[in-house]
Amino acid sequence: MSTISIHRTELLRITHNRSRISRQRYRRTIPPWRMMINSRSSDTTKKDELSVKIPQVDQLRSEGLRFDRLQPPEHELFQQDRLDFGKFVAREAILDEEYWTAAWLRAESHWEDRANERYVDNFKRKFAEQEFNAIKRRCKGLQGQKCSCIVAVKKEEKHIKRSVIKSVVGTLDLNIRFFLQGETFPGEKVKSQLFCTINREGSNRYGYIANLCVAKSARRQGIACNMLRFAVESARLSGVEQVYVHVHRNNLVAQELYQKTGFEVVEMGQSESSDDTFLLQYTR
């Protein structure tokens, strides 16, 4: 181990006294810095960095989050609405750490096909931070509309403790919205009016699913299908009968998933959404 001492430079203060300029020299009393270099620990540090698969969450500005927090037992969360399937549970997110993990899964999914781009890790961290704050805002509700962040969590196992970050493996958003005046499905092209109103009757609401994604390591285990089923059932418990989702027309895998779960393409009318997407409705 070697030590390198770095000394502070001296500071000059120049004072102006009419025609005379005096120079005073000051020396700080702060002790010099010392940099400790341990050459033997560099190899082990590299191995640790390569083995870590979760982001360096200490670099984020999200305050109050405990990323080493253990996933609490399900009976301590006091949640009645849940769907058990296999080794997982689908339910509404409760903890802030669950919201953040959902945001990080969305960042991973968003940049999945661009993993080799420069600074991609920085982009994902920024995306996750912004999405975390957006989820928290949406879940507070706005003008009578409701949003729920649904997560799929690994079931607790005997003698095995997991952090929240390693427990959440899937996520989606369920929004309860109101149709605009004249709409029969979201984004329908209707005759424009000078003043557009929102009919807030209970029968005029619909459910909208967005931001569905599953961790790479947990795919092909029925997580997406069961989260969708839980979302549809949650919407119906809220008094909503119609549930919609948009899917990209080139995303054949997602189209097959939604159709297998009970969604069908909306044929009637034209949508104002992009021509690159299909609007699907749950029909079962």
Protein backbone atom coordinates (compact mmCIF):
# COMPACT_ATOMS: atom_id res chain seq x y z
CA MET A 1 0.00 0.00 0.00
CA SER A 2 1.33 3.45 -0.89
CA THR A 3 0.40 6.95 0.28
CA ILE A 4 0.36 10.09 -1.85
CA SER A 5 0.22 13.48 -0.13
CA ILE A 6 -1.46 16.37 -1.93
CA HIS A 7 -0.69 19.80 -0.47
CA ARG A 8 -2.94 22.85 -0.80
CA THR A 9 -1.68 25.84 -2.74
CA GLU A 10 -1.21 29.18 -1.05
CA LEU A 11 -3.79 31.91 -1.47
CA LEU A 12 -3.09 35.60 -2.12
CA ARG A 13 -5.44 38.33 -1.04
CA ILE A 14 -5.09 41.72 -2.72
CA THR A 15 -6.51 44.75 -0.93
CA HIS A 16 -6.98 48.16 -2.56
CA ASN A 17 -6.35 51.19 -0.33
CA ARG A 18 -6.74 54.17 -2.66
CA SER A 19 -3.35 54.51 -4.36
CA ARG A 20 -1.60 51.74 -2.47
CA ILE A 21 -2.04 48.07 -3.11
CA SER A 22 -0.89 45.70 -0.37
CA ARG A 23 -0.44 41.96 -0.78
CA GLN A 24 -1.01 39.62 2.11
CA ARG A 25 -0.06 35.98 2.02
CA TYR A 26 -2.15 33.43 3.87
CA ARG A 27 -1.61 29.76 4.40
CA ARG A 28 -4.53 27.47 5.19
CA THR A 29 -4.23 25.33 8.26
CA ILE A 30 -6.19 22.48 6.70
CA PRO A 31 -4.05 19.32 6.70
CA PRO A 32 -3.01 17.90 3.32
CA TRP A 33 -5.12 15.27 1.64
CA ARG A 34 -3.90 11.71 1.49
CA MET A 35 -4.82 9.24 -1.16
CA MET A 36 -4.55 5.56 -0.19
CA ILE A 37 -3.90 3.12 -3.01
CA ASN A 38 -4.28 -0.59 -2.37
CA SER A 39 -2.99 -2.46 -5.39
CA ARG A 40 -4.01 -5.84 -4.03
CA SER A 41 -7.74 -5.02 -3.90
CA SER A 42 -8.15 -3.98 -7.57
CA ASP A 43 -8.74 -7.50 -8.86
CA THR A 44 -11.46 -8.34 -6.36
CA THR A 45 -13.17 -5.00 -7.00
CA LYS A 46 -13.44 -5.78 -10.72
CA LYS A 47 -14.97 -9.17 -9.99
CA ASP A 48 -17.58 -7.61 -7.70
CA GLU A 49 -18.55 -5.02 -10.32
CA LEU A 50 -19.02 -7.70 -12.97
CA SER A 51 -21.17 -9.87 -10.71
CA VAL A 52 -23.59 -7.09 -9.77
CA LYS A 53 -26.63 -7.06 -12.08
CA ILE A 54 -28.73 -4.41 -10.35
CA PRO A 55 -28.01 -0.69 -11.01
CA GLN A 56 -25.78 1.42 -8.82
CA VAL A 57 -28.73 2.88 -6.99
CA ASP A 58 -26.56 5.00 -4.70
CA GLN A 59 -25.97 7.32 -7.66
CA LEU A 60 -29.66 8.19 -7.98
CA ARG A 61 -31.18 11.26 -6.36
CA SER A 62 -34.27 9.45 -5.06
CA GLU A 63 -34.44 10.32 -1.40
CA GLY A 64 -35.77 8.15 1.38
CA LEU A 65 -35.39 4.84 -0.49
CA ARG A 66 -33.77 1.87 1.20
CA PHE A 67 -32.41 -0.34 -1.54
CA ASP A 68 -31.27 -2.99 0.93
CA ARG A 69 -34.77 -3.24 2.40
CA LEU A 70 -35.98 -6.83 2.72
CA GLN A 71 -39.27 -7.80 1.14
CA PRO A 72 -41.78 -7.98 4.01
CA PRO A 73 -43.98 -11.09 4.41
CA GLU A 74 -47.24 -10.89 2.50
CA HIS A 75 -49.35 -11.09 5.68
CA GLU A 76 -47.77 -7.83 6.88
CA LEU A 77 -48.90 -5.89 3.80
CA PHE A 78 -52.63 -6.20 4.59
CA GLN A 79 -53.62 -6.63 0.95
CA GLN A 80 -56.78 -8.58 0.21
CA ASP A 81 -56.69 -8.24 -3.58
CA ARG A 82 -53.98 -10.48 -4.97
CA LEU A 83 -53.51 -13.32 -7.42
CA ASP A 84 -51.31 -16.28 -6.51
CA PHE A 85 -49.81 -18.25 -9.38
CA GLY A 86 -46.88 -20.64 -9.23
CA LYS A 87 -43.94 -19.04 -7.41
CA PHE A 88 -45.30 -15.50 -7.77
CA VAL A 89 -47.99 -13.12 -6.54
CA ALA A 90 -49.62 -10.33 -8.54
CA ARG A 91 -50.82 -7.36 -6.48
CA GLU A 92 -50.74 -3.58 -6.28
CA ALA A 93 -47.40 -2.03 -5.34
CA ILE A 94 -47.24 -0.57 -1.84
CA LEU A 95 -43.63 0.22 -0.97
CA ASP A 96 -41.66 3.03 -2.58
CA GLU A 97 -38.91 0.52 -3.30
CA GLU A 98 -41.44 -1.53 -5.31
CA TYR A 99 -42.36 1.58 -7.31
CA TRP A 100 -38.69 2.24 -8.02
CA THR A 101 -38.01 -1.37 -9.08
CA ALA A 102 -41.01 -1.17 -11.41
CA ALA A 103 -39.50 1.99 -12.91
CA TRP A 104 -36.13 0.28 -13.35
CA LEU A 105 -37.75 -2.72 -15.12
CA ARG A 106 -39.37 -0.27 -17.54
CA ALA A 107 -36.02 1.39 -18.15
CA GLU A 108 -34.44 -2.00 -18.87
CA SER A 109 -37.26 -2.85 -21.27
CA HIS A 110 -37.08 0.54 -23.01
CA TRP A 111 -33.34 0.22 -23.69
CA GLU A 112 -33.27 -3.54 -24.18
CA ASP A 113 -32.58 -3.41 -27.92
CA ARG A 114 -29.95 -0.68 -27.52
CA ALA A 115 -27.75 -2.24 -24.86
CA ASN A 116 -24.54 -1.46 -26.78
CA GLU A 117 -25.16 2.25 -27.15
CA ARG A 118 -22.81 4.67 -25.49
CA TYR A 119 -23.84 5.92 -22.05
CA VAL A 120 -26.81 3.54 -22.03
CA ASP A 121 -26.47 2.95 -18.27
CA ASN A 122 -26.73 6.67 -17.59
CA PHE A 123 -29.80 6.90 -19.82
CA LYS A 124 -31.45 4.01 -17.99
CA ARG A 125 -30.79 5.56 -14.59
CA LYS A 126 -32.26 8.87 -15.72
CA PHE A 127 -35.25 7.13 -17.28
CA ALA A 128 -35.86 5.11 -14.10
CA GLU A 129 -35.65 8.19 -11.90
CA GLN A 130 -38.16 10.11 -14.03
CA GLU A 131 -40.51 7.12 -14.30
CA PHE A 132 -40.40 6.57 -10.53
CA ASN A 133 -41.54 10.14 -9.91
CA ALA A 134 -44.18 9.82 -12.64
CA ILE A 135 -45.59 6.62 -11.11
CA LYS A 136 -45.89 8.29 -7.72
CA ARG A 137 -47.74 11.25 -9.27
CA ARG A 138 -50.11 9.06 -11.29
CA CYS A 139 -50.97 6.86 -8.33
CA LYS A 140 -52.07 9.90 -6.33
CA GLY A 141 -54.98 10.29 -8.75
CA LEU A 142 -55.94 13.27 -10.89
CA GLN A 143 -59.43 14.71 -11.43
CA GLY A 144 -61.15 11.57 -10.31
CA GLN A 145 -59.00 9.27 -12.45
CA LYS A 146 -57.23 6.40 -10.75
CA CYS A 147 -53.93 4.71 -11.53
CA SER A 148 -52.53 1.57 -9.93
CA CYS A 149 -49.02 0.18 -10.34
CA ILE A 150 -49.34 -3.61 -10.36
CA VAL A 151 -46.30 -5.76 -9.68
CA ALA A 152 -45.48 -9.46 -9.78
CA VAL A 153 -43.45 -10.47 -6.74
CA LYS A 154 -41.65 -13.68 -5.88
CA LYS A 155 -43.38 -15.60 -3.12
CA GLU A 156 -41.57 -15.77 0.17
CA GLU A 157 -39.68 -19.00 0.79
CA LYS A 158 -38.72 -20.55 4.06
CA HIS A 159 -35.26 -19.52 5.30
CA ILE A 160 -34.74 -17.28 2.21
CA LYS A 161 -34.72 -13.50 2.54
CA ARG A 162 -34.73 -11.25 -0.51
CA SER A 163 -34.49 -7.52 -0.95
CA VAL A 164 -37.38 -5.70 -2.60
CA ILE A 165 -35.25 -5.05 -5.69
CA LYS A 166 -34.69 -8.78 -6.22
CA SER A 167 -38.31 -9.73 -5.46
CA VAL A 168 -40.20 -7.66 -8.07
CA VAL A 169 -40.07 -9.37 -11.49
CA GLY A 170 -42.89 -7.74 -13.46
CA THR A 171 -45.02 -4.61 -13.61
CA LEU A 172 -47.83 -2.81 -15.44
CA ASP A 173 -50.07 0.25 -14.94
CA LEU A 174 -53.86 0.06 -14.68
CA ASN A 175 -55.57 3.40 -15.33
CA ILE A 176 -59.27 4.05 -14.71
CA ARG A 177 -60.30 6.89 -17.02
CA PHE A 178 -63.39 8.65 -18.34
CA PHE A 179 -64.46 8.69 -21.98
CA LEU A 180 -64.55 12.09 -23.63
CA GLN A 181 -67.91 13.27 -24.92
CA GLY A 182 -68.89 11.22 -27.97
CA GLU A 183 -66.21 8.55 -27.56
CA THR A 184 -67.08 4.86 -27.54
CA PHE A 185 -63.45 3.74 -27.21
CA PRO A 186 -60.21 5.59 -26.28
CA GLY A 187 -58.86 7.90 -28.97
CA GLU A 188 -61.87 7.56 -31.26
CA LYS A 189 -62.16 10.32 -33.84
CA VAL A 190 -65.32 12.20 -33.04
CA LYS A 191 -66.79 15.42 -34.39
CA SER A 192 -64.92 18.26 -32.74
CA GLN A 193 -66.90 20.58 -30.51
CA LEU A 194 -66.19 24.03 -29.24
CA PHE A 195 -66.31 22.84 -25.63
CA CYS A 196 -65.35 19.27 -24.81
CA THR A 197 -66.71 17.80 -21.60
CA ILE A 198 -66.05 14.63 -19.66
CA ASN A 199 -69.00 12.53 -18.61
CA ARG A 200 -68.18 11.39 -15.08
CA GLU A 201 -70.95 8.86 -14.74
CA GLY A 202 -69.86 5.49 -13.46
CA SER A 203 -70.85 3.71 -16.69
CA ASN A 204 -68.67 6.08 -18.71
CA ARG A 205 -65.38 4.85 -17.28
CA TYR A 206 -62.93 2.41 -18.83
CA GLY A 207 -59.69 0.68 -17.86
CA TYR A 208 -56.46 1.21 -19.75
CA ILE A 209 -53.36 -0.98 -19.35
CA ALA A 210 -49.87 0.34 -20.10
CA ASN A 211 -46.16 -0.22 -19.40
CA LEU A 212 -46.30 -4.03 -19.22
CA CYS A 213 -42.84 -5.56 -18.84
CA VAL A 214 -41.20 -8.58 -17.20
CA ALA A 215 -37.61 -9.06 -16.10
CA LYS A 216 -35.52 -11.07 -18.56
CA SER A 217 -34.64 -13.68 -15.96
CA ALA A 218 -38.32 -14.35 -15.17
CA ARG A 219 -39.88 -14.59 -18.63
CA ARG A 220 -41.76 -17.61 -20.00
CA GLN A 221 -43.35 -18.33 -16.62
CA GLY A 222 -46.83 -16.90 -17.17
CA ILE A 223 -46.12 -13.67 -15.29
CA ALA A 224 -47.41 -11.29 -17.97
CA CYS A 225 -50.64 -13.27 -18.53
CA ASN A 226 -51.45 -13.41 -14.83
CA MET A 227 -50.70 -9.72 -14.29
CA LEU A 228 -53.10 -8.92 -17.12
CA ARG A 229 -55.79 -11.14 -15.61
CA PHE A 230 -55.32 -9.48 -12.23
CA ALA A 231 -55.52 -6.02 -13.83
CA VAL A 232 -58.77 -6.88 -15.64
CA GLU A 233 -60.30 -8.29 -12.48
CA SER A 234 -59.21 -5.22 -10.49
CA ALA A 235 -60.87 -2.99 -13.08
CA ARG A 236 -64.11 -4.95 -12.82
CA LEU A 237 -64.05 -4.72 -9.05
CA SER A 238 -63.87 -0.94 -9.54
CA GLY A 239 -67.07 -1.08 -11.59
CA VAL A 240 -65.37 -0.92 -15.01
CA GLU A 241 -66.41 -3.34 -17.74
CA GLN A 242 -64.30 -2.18 -20.68
CA VAL A 243 -60.51 -2.58 -20.58
CA TYR A 244 -58.18 -1.50 -23.41
CA VAL A 245 -54.50 -1.68 -24.31
CA HIS A 246 -52.37 -0.39 -27.19
CA VAL A 247 -49.77 -2.61 -28.87
CA HIS A 248 -47.32 -1.87 -31.67
CA ARG A 249 -48.41 -3.45 -34.95
CA ASN A 250 -44.95 -4.99 -35.45
CA ASN A 251 -44.82 -6.50 -31.96
CA LEU A 252 -46.25 -9.89 -32.86
CA VAL A 253 -45.19 -11.49 -29.58
CA ALA A 254 -47.16 -8.93 -27.55
CA GLN A 255 -50.18 -9.26 -29.85
CA GLU A 256 -50.19 -13.02 -29.34
CA LEU A 257 -49.92 -12.53 -25.57
CA TYR A 258 -52.87 -10.13 -25.41
CA GLN A 259 -55.05 -12.26 -27.68
CA LYS A 260 -54.29 -15.35 -25.62
CA THR A 261 -55.35 -13.44 -22.51
CA GLY A 262 -58.69 -12.37 -24.04
CA PHE A 263 -58.03 -9.12 -25.91
CA GLU A 264 -59.20 -8.48 -29.48
CA VAL A 265 -58.42 -5.70 -31.95
CA VAL A 266 -61.03 -2.92 -32.01
CA GLU A 267 -62.35 -2.85 -35.59
CA MET A 268 -65.02 -0.14 -35.45
CA GLY A 269 -64.17 3.50 -36.08
CA GLN A 270 -60.79 5.08 -36.46
CA SER A 271 -58.40 6.00 -33.70
CA GLU A 272 -56.45 9.21 -33.35
CA SER A 273 -53.48 7.25 -32.04
CA SER A 274 -50.45 6.52 -34.16
CA ASP A 275 -50.88 4.26 -37.20
CA ASP A 276 -48.07 2.15 -35.75
CA THR A 277 -50.30 0.76 -32.97
CA PHE A 278 -53.41 -1.35 -32.58
CA LEU A 279 -56.06 -0.77 -29.93
CA LEU A 280 -57.21 -3.99 -28.26
CA GLN A 281 -60.19 -4.54 -25.95
CA TYR A 282 -60.77 -7.28 -23.39
CA THR A 283 -63.79 -9.30 -24.54
CA ARG A 284 -64.14 -12.26 -22.18
